[in-house]
N, C-alpha and C. Protein backbone atom coordinates (compact mmCIF):
# COMPACT_ATOMS: atom_id res chain seq x y z
N MET A 1 47.98 25.71 61.99
CA MET A 1 46.66 25.10 62.06
C MET A 1 45.65 26.18 62.40
N ARG A 2 44.56 26.21 61.68
CA ARG A 2 43.50 27.16 61.98
C ARG A 2 42.47 26.47 62.84
N LEU A 3 42.16 27.08 63.95
CA LEU A 3 41.19 26.50 64.89
C LEU A 3 40.04 27.47 65.06
N ASN A 4 38.85 26.94 65.29
CA ASN A 4 37.80 27.83 65.74
C ASN A 4 37.72 27.69 67.25
N ARG A 5 37.14 28.65 67.90
CA ARG A 5 37.15 28.70 69.37
C ARG A 5 36.56 27.43 69.98
N ASN A 6 35.49 26.88 69.39
CA ASN A 6 34.85 25.69 69.96
C ASN A 6 35.72 24.46 69.86
N SER A 7 36.33 24.22 68.70
CA SER A 7 37.13 23.01 68.54
C SER A 7 38.40 23.08 69.36
N ALA A 8 38.98 24.27 69.51
CA ALA A 8 40.23 24.40 70.25
C ALA A 8 40.01 24.28 71.75
N LEU A 9 38.89 24.76 72.24
CA LEU A 9 38.71 24.87 73.68
C LEU A 9 37.81 23.79 74.28
N ASN A 10 37.17 22.97 73.44
CA ASN A 10 36.31 21.92 73.97
C ASN A 10 37.11 20.78 74.58
N GLY A 11 38.32 20.54 74.09
CA GLY A 11 39.12 19.44 74.60
C GLY A 11 39.62 19.75 76.00
N VAL A 12 39.83 18.71 76.76
CA VAL A 12 40.34 18.87 78.12
C VAL A 12 41.77 19.38 78.05
N GLY A 13 42.08 20.39 78.85
CA GLY A 13 43.44 20.90 78.91
C GLY A 13 43.77 21.94 77.87
N PHE A 14 42.77 22.46 77.15
CA PHE A 14 43.02 23.50 76.17
C PHE A 14 42.41 24.81 76.64
N CYS A 15 43.09 25.91 76.35
CA CYS A 15 42.59 27.24 76.64
C CYS A 15 43.38 28.23 75.79
N THR A 16 43.24 29.51 76.05
CA THR A 16 44.04 30.51 75.36
C THR A 16 45.06 31.08 76.33
N VAL A 17 46.04 31.78 75.80
CA VAL A 17 47.07 32.38 76.65
C VAL A 17 46.44 33.37 77.62
N SER A 18 45.43 34.11 77.18
CA SER A 18 44.79 35.09 78.07
C SER A 18 44.04 34.42 79.22
N ASP A 19 43.68 33.14 79.08
CA ASP A 19 42.98 32.41 80.15
C ASP A 19 43.94 31.88 81.22
N LEU A 20 45.22 31.80 80.90
CA LEU A 20 46.20 31.24 81.84
C LEU A 20 46.48 32.20 82.99
N SER A 21 46.73 31.66 84.16
CA SER A 21 47.14 32.44 85.31
C SER A 21 48.66 32.55 85.33
N PRO A 22 49.20 33.57 86.00
CA PRO A 22 50.65 33.66 86.11
C PRO A 22 51.24 32.38 86.71
N GLY A 23 52.31 31.88 86.08
CA GLY A 23 52.95 30.65 86.51
C GLY A 23 52.52 29.43 85.72
N CYS A 24 51.42 29.54 84.97
CA CYS A 24 50.95 28.40 84.17
C CYS A 24 51.72 28.31 82.86
N GLU A 25 51.88 27.09 82.39
CA GLU A 25 52.58 26.84 81.15
C GLU A 25 51.69 26.11 80.17
N GLY A 26 51.98 26.32 78.88
CA GLY A 26 51.25 25.62 77.84
C GLY A 26 52.10 25.51 76.60
N VAL A 27 51.62 24.72 75.66
CA VAL A 27 52.27 24.57 74.36
C VAL A 27 51.29 25.08 73.32
N ILE A 28 51.75 25.96 72.45
CA ILE A 28 50.88 26.54 71.43
C ILE A 28 50.38 25.45 70.49
N SER A 29 49.04 25.37 70.37
CA SER A 29 48.44 24.35 69.52
C SER A 29 47.83 24.93 68.25
N GLY A 30 47.68 26.24 68.18
CA GLY A 30 47.13 26.86 66.99
C GLY A 30 46.66 28.27 67.29
N PHE A 31 46.04 28.88 66.29
CA PHE A 31 45.55 30.24 66.41
C PHE A 31 44.09 30.28 66.03
N LEU A 32 43.30 31.01 66.81
CA LEU A 32 41.86 31.03 66.61
C LEU A 32 41.45 31.91 65.44
N ASN A 33 42.24 32.92 65.13
CA ASN A 33 41.88 33.85 64.06
C ASN A 33 43.14 34.24 63.32
N ARG A 34 43.30 33.75 62.12
CA ARG A 34 44.52 34.03 61.35
C ARG A 34 44.65 35.50 60.97
N ASP A 35 43.59 36.25 61.01
CA ASP A 35 43.65 37.66 60.63
C ASP A 35 44.34 38.52 61.68
N VAL A 36 44.48 38.01 62.89
CA VAL A 36 45.03 38.81 63.98
C VAL A 36 46.54 38.60 64.06
N ALA A 37 47.28 39.37 63.31
CA ALA A 37 48.74 39.48 63.42
C ALA A 37 49.49 38.15 63.44
N LEU A 38 49.07 37.19 62.62
CA LEU A 38 49.75 35.90 62.60
C LEU A 38 51.22 36.06 62.21
N ARG A 39 51.48 36.91 61.26
CA ARG A 39 52.88 37.15 60.85
C ARG A 39 53.69 37.69 62.01
N ARG A 40 53.12 38.60 62.75
CA ARG A 40 53.83 39.18 63.91
C ARG A 40 54.08 38.12 64.98
N PHE A 41 53.12 37.22 65.21
CA PHE A 41 53.32 36.13 66.16
C PHE A 41 54.53 35.30 65.76
N ARG A 42 54.61 34.96 64.48
CA ARG A 42 55.74 34.16 64.00
C ARG A 42 57.07 34.89 64.19
N GLU A 43 57.09 36.17 63.93
CA GLU A 43 58.31 36.95 64.10
C GLU A 43 58.77 36.96 65.56
N MET A 44 57.82 36.87 66.47
CA MET A 44 58.15 36.85 67.90
C MET A 44 58.49 35.45 68.40
N GLY A 45 58.39 34.45 67.52
CA GLY A 45 58.69 33.08 67.92
C GLY A 45 57.49 32.31 68.44
N LEU A 46 56.31 32.86 68.28
CA LEU A 46 55.09 32.20 68.73
C LEU A 46 54.55 31.34 67.59
N VAL A 47 55.02 30.10 67.52
CA VAL A 47 54.58 29.17 66.49
C VAL A 47 54.08 27.90 67.17
N GLU A 48 53.34 27.09 66.43
CA GLU A 48 52.79 25.85 66.98
C GLU A 48 53.89 24.96 67.53
N GLY A 49 53.65 24.37 68.69
CA GLY A 49 54.61 23.49 69.32
C GLY A 49 55.58 24.19 70.27
N THR A 50 55.51 25.50 70.35
CA THR A 50 56.40 26.26 71.22
C THR A 50 55.80 26.37 72.62
N GLY A 51 56.64 26.17 73.62
CA GLY A 51 56.19 26.32 75.00
C GLY A 51 56.08 27.78 75.38
N VAL A 52 55.10 28.11 76.18
CA VAL A 52 54.88 29.48 76.63
C VAL A 52 54.48 29.44 78.10
N ARG A 53 55.00 30.40 78.88
CA ARG A 53 54.66 30.51 80.30
C ARG A 53 54.23 31.94 80.59
N VAL A 54 53.12 32.10 81.30
CA VAL A 54 52.66 33.43 81.68
C VAL A 54 53.44 33.87 82.91
N VAL A 55 54.12 34.99 82.80
CA VAL A 55 54.93 35.52 83.90
C VAL A 55 54.06 36.39 84.80
N ARG A 56 53.37 37.36 84.19
CA ARG A 56 52.46 38.21 84.96
C ARG A 56 51.46 38.88 84.03
N LYS A 57 50.40 39.38 84.65
CA LYS A 57 49.33 40.04 83.91
C LYS A 57 49.08 41.42 84.50
N ALA A 58 48.87 42.39 83.63
CA ALA A 58 48.50 43.72 84.08
C ALA A 58 47.02 43.71 84.48
N PRO A 59 46.64 44.55 85.42
CA PRO A 59 45.24 44.58 85.83
C PRO A 59 44.33 45.12 84.72
N PHE A 60 43.05 44.84 84.87
CA PHE A 60 42.00 45.33 83.97
C PHE A 60 42.22 44.88 82.52
N ARG A 61 42.58 43.61 82.35
CA ARG A 61 42.76 43.00 81.03
C ARG A 61 43.77 43.75 80.18
N GLY A 62 44.85 44.18 80.82
CA GLY A 62 45.93 44.88 80.13
C GLY A 62 46.88 43.89 79.49
N ALA A 63 48.13 44.29 79.37
CA ALA A 63 49.15 43.46 78.72
C ALA A 63 49.46 42.22 79.55
N ILE A 64 49.96 41.20 78.85
CA ILE A 64 50.36 39.95 79.49
C ILE A 64 51.82 39.71 79.16
N GLU A 65 52.63 39.48 80.19
CA GLU A 65 54.04 39.17 79.98
C GLU A 65 54.19 37.66 79.93
N ILE A 66 54.81 37.17 78.84
CA ILE A 66 55.00 35.73 78.66
C ILE A 66 56.48 35.43 78.44
N ALA A 67 56.88 34.22 78.81
CA ALA A 67 58.24 33.74 78.56
C ALA A 67 58.17 32.73 77.42
N VAL A 68 58.95 32.98 76.36
CA VAL A 68 58.97 32.11 75.19
C VAL A 68 60.42 31.97 74.74
N ARG A 69 60.90 30.73 74.67
CA ARG A 69 62.26 30.46 74.17
C ARG A 69 63.33 31.29 74.84
N GLY A 70 63.22 31.48 76.15
CA GLY A 70 64.22 32.21 76.90
C GLY A 70 64.07 33.72 76.86
N ALA A 71 63.07 34.23 76.17
CA ALA A 71 62.83 35.67 76.10
C ALA A 71 61.50 35.99 76.77
N ARG A 72 61.37 37.21 77.21
CA ARG A 72 60.10 37.67 77.79
C ARG A 72 59.47 38.66 76.83
N LEU A 73 58.21 38.41 76.53
CA LEU A 73 57.47 39.26 75.60
C LEU A 73 56.24 39.81 76.30
N SER A 74 55.80 40.96 75.86
CA SER A 74 54.58 41.54 76.37
C SER A 74 53.60 41.65 75.20
N ILE A 75 52.43 41.05 75.34
CA ILE A 75 51.43 41.11 74.28
C ILE A 75 50.10 41.59 74.86
N ARG A 76 49.29 42.17 73.99
CA ARG A 76 47.97 42.64 74.42
C ARG A 76 47.06 41.47 74.74
N ASN A 77 46.14 41.69 75.64
CA ASN A 77 45.19 40.65 76.03
C ASN A 77 44.37 40.17 74.83
N GLU A 78 43.99 41.09 73.93
CA GLU A 78 43.21 40.72 72.75
C GLU A 78 44.00 39.75 71.87
N ALA A 79 45.30 39.99 71.71
CA ALA A 79 46.13 39.10 70.91
C ALA A 79 46.31 37.75 71.61
N ALA A 80 46.51 37.78 72.93
CA ALA A 80 46.69 36.56 73.70
C ALA A 80 45.44 35.67 73.65
N SER A 81 44.28 36.27 73.49
CA SER A 81 43.05 35.49 73.43
C SER A 81 42.89 34.76 72.10
N GLN A 82 43.78 34.99 71.15
CA GLN A 82 43.74 34.31 69.86
C GLN A 82 44.72 33.14 69.77
N ILE A 83 45.53 32.93 70.82
CA ILE A 83 46.54 31.88 70.81
C ILE A 83 46.05 30.71 71.66
N ALA A 84 45.72 29.60 71.01
CA ALA A 84 45.24 28.40 71.72
C ALA A 84 46.43 27.60 72.22
N VAL A 85 46.36 27.17 73.47
CA VAL A 85 47.45 26.39 74.07
C VAL A 85 46.90 25.13 74.73
N ARG A 86 47.76 24.11 74.78
CA ARG A 86 47.47 22.88 75.53
C ARG A 86 48.22 23.02 76.84
N LEU A 87 47.54 22.84 77.95
CA LEU A 87 48.13 23.03 79.27
C LEU A 87 49.24 22.03 79.54
N VAL A 88 50.29 22.51 80.22
CA VAL A 88 51.42 21.66 80.58
C VAL A 88 51.47 21.48 82.09
N GLY A 89 51.35 22.55 82.84
CA GLY A 89 51.42 22.46 84.29
C GLY A 89 51.40 23.84 84.91
N GLU A 90 51.55 23.86 86.21
CA GLU A 90 51.52 25.13 86.92
C GLU A 90 52.73 25.21 87.83
N LEU A 91 53.44 26.31 87.76
CA LEU A 91 54.61 26.51 88.61
C LEU A 91 54.19 27.11 89.93
N GLU A 92 54.96 26.85 90.93
CA GLU A 92 54.61 27.42 92.23
C GLU A 92 55.55 28.53 92.57
């Protein structure tokens, strides 16, 4: 699904992976810009309907470590800002 930033983020409980804090979980609802490595996202298992959890974030808008399908991946903040998610909850 192709989303623009306004339609994806106006709904309650929607944000991007880069907006999530460590420990927060979401389900991928779409991508804001198909030009940004969509094929690579799919190869990493980042497809619509997949659960994702932010493990930790590097300082100064660096890389973000996420848990997806039992694996941990590290993606750039710019790429994470293109993945729209629906919030699931927050781990303590």
